[in-house]
């Protein structure tokens, strides 16, 4: 049996911390960091990476296209 896992990559320097991705994530994977990027914004990051299903909702709603989503099928043992 196989399971799909996901991973997101956020370009933290272009992220404006709008939190649209946080709201769009159905599995509560993404949060805004307490730290700020070079522009002074709290950027998005994977708070709960094990829950990511690679749905790409975050990437679709990101107005600055700073999120890339990867999906991988892994065999369950």
N, C-alpha and C. Protein backbone atom coordinates (compact mmCIF):
# COMPACT_ATOMS: atom_id res chain seq x y z
N UNK A 1 0.84 -1.17 0.00
CA UNK A 1 0.00 0.00 0.00
C UNK A 1 0.89 1.25 0.00
N UNK A 2 0.49 2.23 -0.76
CA UNK A 2 1.29 3.46 -0.89
C UNK A 2 0.56 4.64 -0.23
N UNK A 3 1.35 5.60 0.19
CA UNK A 3 0.83 6.81 0.81
C UNK A 3 1.50 8.00 0.13
N UNK A 4 0.72 9.06 -0.11
CA UNK A 4 1.28 10.28 -0.67
C UNK A 4 1.73 11.17 0.47
N UNK A 5 2.96 11.65 0.38
CA UNK A 5 3.45 12.62 1.35
C UNK A 5 3.78 13.90 0.61
N UNK A 6 3.74 14.98 1.31
CA UNK A 6 4.00 16.26 0.68
C UNK A 6 5.10 17.01 1.40
N UNK A 7 5.61 18.01 0.71
CA UNK A 7 6.64 18.88 1.25
C UNK A 7 6.49 20.23 0.58
N UNK A 8 6.57 21.30 1.35
CA UNK A 8 6.55 22.62 0.72
C UNK A 8 7.88 23.30 0.95
N UNK A 9 8.22 24.15 0.01
CA UNK A 9 9.42 24.96 0.10
C UNK A 9 8.97 26.41 -0.05
N UNK A 10 9.30 27.24 0.93
CA UNK A 10 8.88 28.64 0.91
C UNK A 10 10.11 29.52 0.67
N UNK A 11 10.00 30.41 -0.30
CA UNK A 11 11.05 31.40 -0.52
C UNK A 11 10.81 32.48 0.54
N UNK A 12 11.51 32.38 1.65
CA UNK A 12 11.21 33.25 2.80
C UNK A 12 11.49 34.72 2.53
N UNK A 13 12.34 35.03 1.59
CA UNK A 13 12.64 36.43 1.31
C UNK A 13 11.55 37.11 0.48
N UNK A 14 10.74 36.33 -0.26
CA UNK A 14 9.65 36.95 -1.01
C UNK A 14 8.31 36.83 -0.29
N UNK A 15 8.25 36.02 0.76
CA UNK A 15 7.00 35.84 1.52
C UNK A 15 6.68 37.12 2.30
N UNK A 16 5.44 37.60 2.16
CA UNK A 16 5.01 38.81 2.85
C UNK A 16 4.19 38.51 4.10
N UNK A 17 4.06 37.24 4.45
CA UNK A 17 3.34 36.88 5.67
C UNK A 17 1.86 37.17 5.63
N UNK A 18 1.24 37.08 4.47
CA UNK A 18 -0.18 37.40 4.34
C UNK A 18 -1.08 36.36 5.03
N UNK A 19 -0.56 35.17 5.27
CA UNK A 19 -1.22 34.03 5.92
C UNK A 19 -2.35 33.40 5.12
N UNK A 20 -2.46 33.72 3.84
CA UNK A 20 -3.46 33.03 3.01
C UNK A 20 -3.18 31.54 2.94
N UNK A 21 -1.90 31.17 2.91
CA UNK A 21 -1.53 29.76 2.86
C UNK A 21 -1.89 29.04 4.16
N UNK A 22 -1.77 29.74 5.28
CA UNK A 22 -2.12 29.16 6.58
C UNK A 22 -3.61 28.80 6.59
N UNK A 23 -4.43 29.72 6.09
CA UNK A 23 -5.88 29.50 6.05
C UNK A 23 -6.27 28.42 5.04
N UNK A 24 -5.52 28.31 3.94
CA UNK A 24 -5.87 27.36 2.88
C UNK A 24 -5.45 25.93 3.17
N UNK A 25 -4.54 25.74 4.13
CA UNK A 25 -4.01 24.41 4.42
C UNK A 25 -5.04 23.57 5.18
N UNK A 26 -5.49 22.45 4.60
CA UNK A 26 -6.51 21.63 5.27
C UNK A 26 -5.97 20.79 6.43
N UNK A 27 -4.65 20.68 6.55
CA UNK A 27 -4.07 19.84 7.60
C UNK A 27 -3.24 20.62 8.62
N UNK A 28 -3.36 21.93 8.62
CA UNK A 28 -2.67 22.81 9.58
C UNK A 28 -1.15 22.60 9.61
N UNK A 29 -0.57 22.51 8.44
CA UNK A 29 0.88 22.31 8.31
C UNK A 29 1.64 23.62 8.45
N UNK A 30 1.08 24.71 7.94
CA UNK A 30 1.81 25.96 7.79
C UNK A 30 1.47 26.95 8.90
N UNK A 31 2.49 27.64 9.38
CA UNK A 31 2.34 28.72 10.35
C UNK A 31 3.24 29.87 9.91
N UNK A 32 3.05 31.02 10.53
CA UNK A 32 3.95 32.14 10.30
C UNK A 32 5.02 32.13 11.38
N UNK A 33 6.25 32.33 10.96
CA UNK A 33 7.39 32.31 11.88
C UNK A 33 7.36 33.54 12.77
N UNK A 34 7.92 33.40 13.95
CA UNK A 34 8.08 34.56 14.83
C UNK A 34 9.21 35.45 14.32
N UNK A 35 10.19 34.84 13.64
CA UNK A 35 11.29 35.59 13.05
C UNK A 35 10.78 36.32 11.81
N UNK A 36 11.53 37.31 11.38
CA UNK A 36 11.16 38.06 10.18
C UNK A 36 12.24 37.89 9.11
N UNK A 37 11.82 38.07 7.86
CA UNK A 37 12.78 38.01 6.75
C UNK A 37 13.46 39.36 6.58
N UNK A 38 14.23 39.51 5.52
CA UNK A 38 14.97 40.74 5.27
C UNK A 38 14.09 41.97 5.06
N UNK A 39 12.83 41.74 4.71
CA UNK A 39 11.90 42.86 4.49
C UNK A 39 11.05 43.16 5.73
N UNK A 40 11.26 42.38 6.79
CA UNK A 40 10.53 42.63 8.03
C UNK A 40 9.22 41.88 8.17
N UNK A 41 8.97 40.90 7.30
CA UNK A 41 7.73 40.14 7.36
C UNK A 41 7.93 38.81 8.09
N UNK A 42 6.91 38.39 8.85
CA UNK A 42 6.90 37.05 9.43
C UNK A 42 6.53 36.09 8.29
N UNK A 43 7.45 35.24 7.91
CA UNK A 43 7.28 34.37 6.74
C UNK A 43 6.62 33.04 7.12
N UNK A 44 6.06 32.37 6.12
CA UNK A 44 5.42 31.06 6.30
C UNK A 44 6.49 29.97 6.37
N UNK A 45 6.19 28.93 7.13
CA UNK A 45 7.08 27.76 7.20
C UNK A 45 6.26 26.54 7.60
N UNK A 46 6.86 25.35 7.45
CA UNK A 46 6.17 24.10 7.79
C UNK A 46 6.30 23.83 9.29
N UNK A 47 5.26 24.10 10.04
CA UNK A 47 5.24 23.84 11.48
C UNK A 47 5.03 22.35 11.76
N UNK A 48 4.23 21.70 10.94
CA UNK A 48 3.86 20.31 11.15
C UNK A 48 4.09 19.52 9.85
N UNK A 49 5.34 19.31 9.44
CA UNK A 49 5.62 18.71 8.13
C UNK A 49 5.07 17.30 7.93
N UNK A 50 4.93 16.53 9.00
CA UNK A 50 4.42 15.16 8.85
C UNK A 50 2.97 15.11 8.40
N UNK A 51 2.24 16.20 8.55
CA UNK A 51 0.83 16.23 8.17
C UNK A 51 0.61 16.67 6.72
N UNK A 52 1.66 17.12 6.04
CA UNK A 52 1.52 17.62 4.67
C UNK A 52 1.13 16.50 3.71
N UNK A 53 0.06 16.76 2.94
CA UNK A 53 -0.41 15.79 1.95
C UNK A 53 -0.09 16.22 0.53
N UNK A 54 0.54 17.37 0.37
CA UNK A 54 0.94 17.85 -0.95
C UNK A 54 -0.23 18.30 -1.81
N UNK A 55 -1.28 18.82 -1.20
CA UNK A 55 -2.47 19.22 -1.94
C UNK A 55 -2.26 20.45 -2.82
N UNK A 56 -1.27 21.26 -2.49
CA UNK A 56 -0.91 22.48 -3.23
C UNK A 56 -1.88 23.64 -3.05
N UNK A 57 -2.80 23.55 -2.10
CA UNK A 57 -3.69 24.69 -1.83
C UNK A 57 -2.88 25.93 -1.48
N UNK A 58 -1.84 25.76 -0.69
CA UNK A 58 -1.02 26.89 -0.27
C UNK A 58 -0.38 27.59 -1.46
N UNK A 59 0.12 26.81 -2.37
CA UNK A 59 0.78 27.36 -3.55
C UNK A 59 -0.21 28.09 -4.45
N UNK A 60 -1.42 27.56 -4.56
CA UNK A 60 -2.42 28.17 -5.43
C UNK A 60 -2.90 29.51 -4.91
N UNK A 61 -2.96 29.69 -3.59
CA UNK A 61 -3.48 30.95 -3.06
C UNK A 61 -2.39 31.98 -2.81
N UNK A 62 -1.13 31.60 -2.90
CA UNK A 62 -0.03 32.52 -2.61
C UNK A 62 0.04 33.61 -3.68
N UNK A 63 -0.20 34.87 -3.30
CA UNK A 63 -0.21 35.95 -4.29
C UNK A 63 1.18 36.28 -4.85
N UNK A 64 2.23 35.84 -4.18
CA UNK A 64 3.59 36.13 -4.63
C UNK A 64 4.32 34.92 -5.18
N UNK A 65 3.63 33.80 -5.32
CA UNK A 65 4.20 32.56 -5.88
C UNK A 65 5.51 32.17 -5.20
N UNK A 66 5.53 32.24 -3.90
CA UNK A 66 6.77 31.91 -3.19
C UNK A 66 6.73 30.51 -2.56
N UNK A 67 5.69 29.71 -2.86
CA UNK A 67 5.60 28.36 -2.30
C UNK A 67 5.65 27.34 -3.43
N UNK A 68 6.55 26.38 -3.28
CA UNK A 68 6.64 25.25 -4.21
C UNK A 68 6.25 24.00 -3.44
N UNK A 69 5.42 23.17 -4.06
CA UNK A 69 4.93 21.95 -3.41
C UNK A 69 5.48 20.73 -4.13
N UNK A 70 5.95 19.79 -3.35
CA UNK A 70 6.43 18.51 -3.88
C UNK A 70 5.57 17.40 -3.32
N UNK A 71 5.30 16.39 -4.14
CA UNK A 71 4.55 15.22 -3.69
C UNK A 71 5.36 13.97 -4.01
N UNK A 72 5.27 13.00 -3.11
CA UNK A 72 6.01 11.77 -3.31
C UNK A 72 5.18 10.60 -2.81
N UNK A 73 5.18 9.54 -3.58
CA UNK A 73 4.48 8.33 -3.16
C UNK A 73 5.48 7.44 -2.45
N UNK A 74 5.15 7.02 -1.24
CA UNK A 74 6.02 6.13 -0.48
C UNK A 74 5.25 4.86 -0.16
N UNK A 75 5.94 3.77 -0.22
CA UNK A 75 5.35 2.48 0.11
C UNK A 75 5.28 2.30 1.60
N UNK A 76 4.13 1.91 2.10
CA UNK A 76 3.95 1.62 3.52
C UNK A 76 4.39 0.18 3.78
N UNK A 77 5.10 -0.01 4.85
CA UNK A 77 5.59 -1.35 5.19
C UNK A 77 4.74 -1.95 6.26
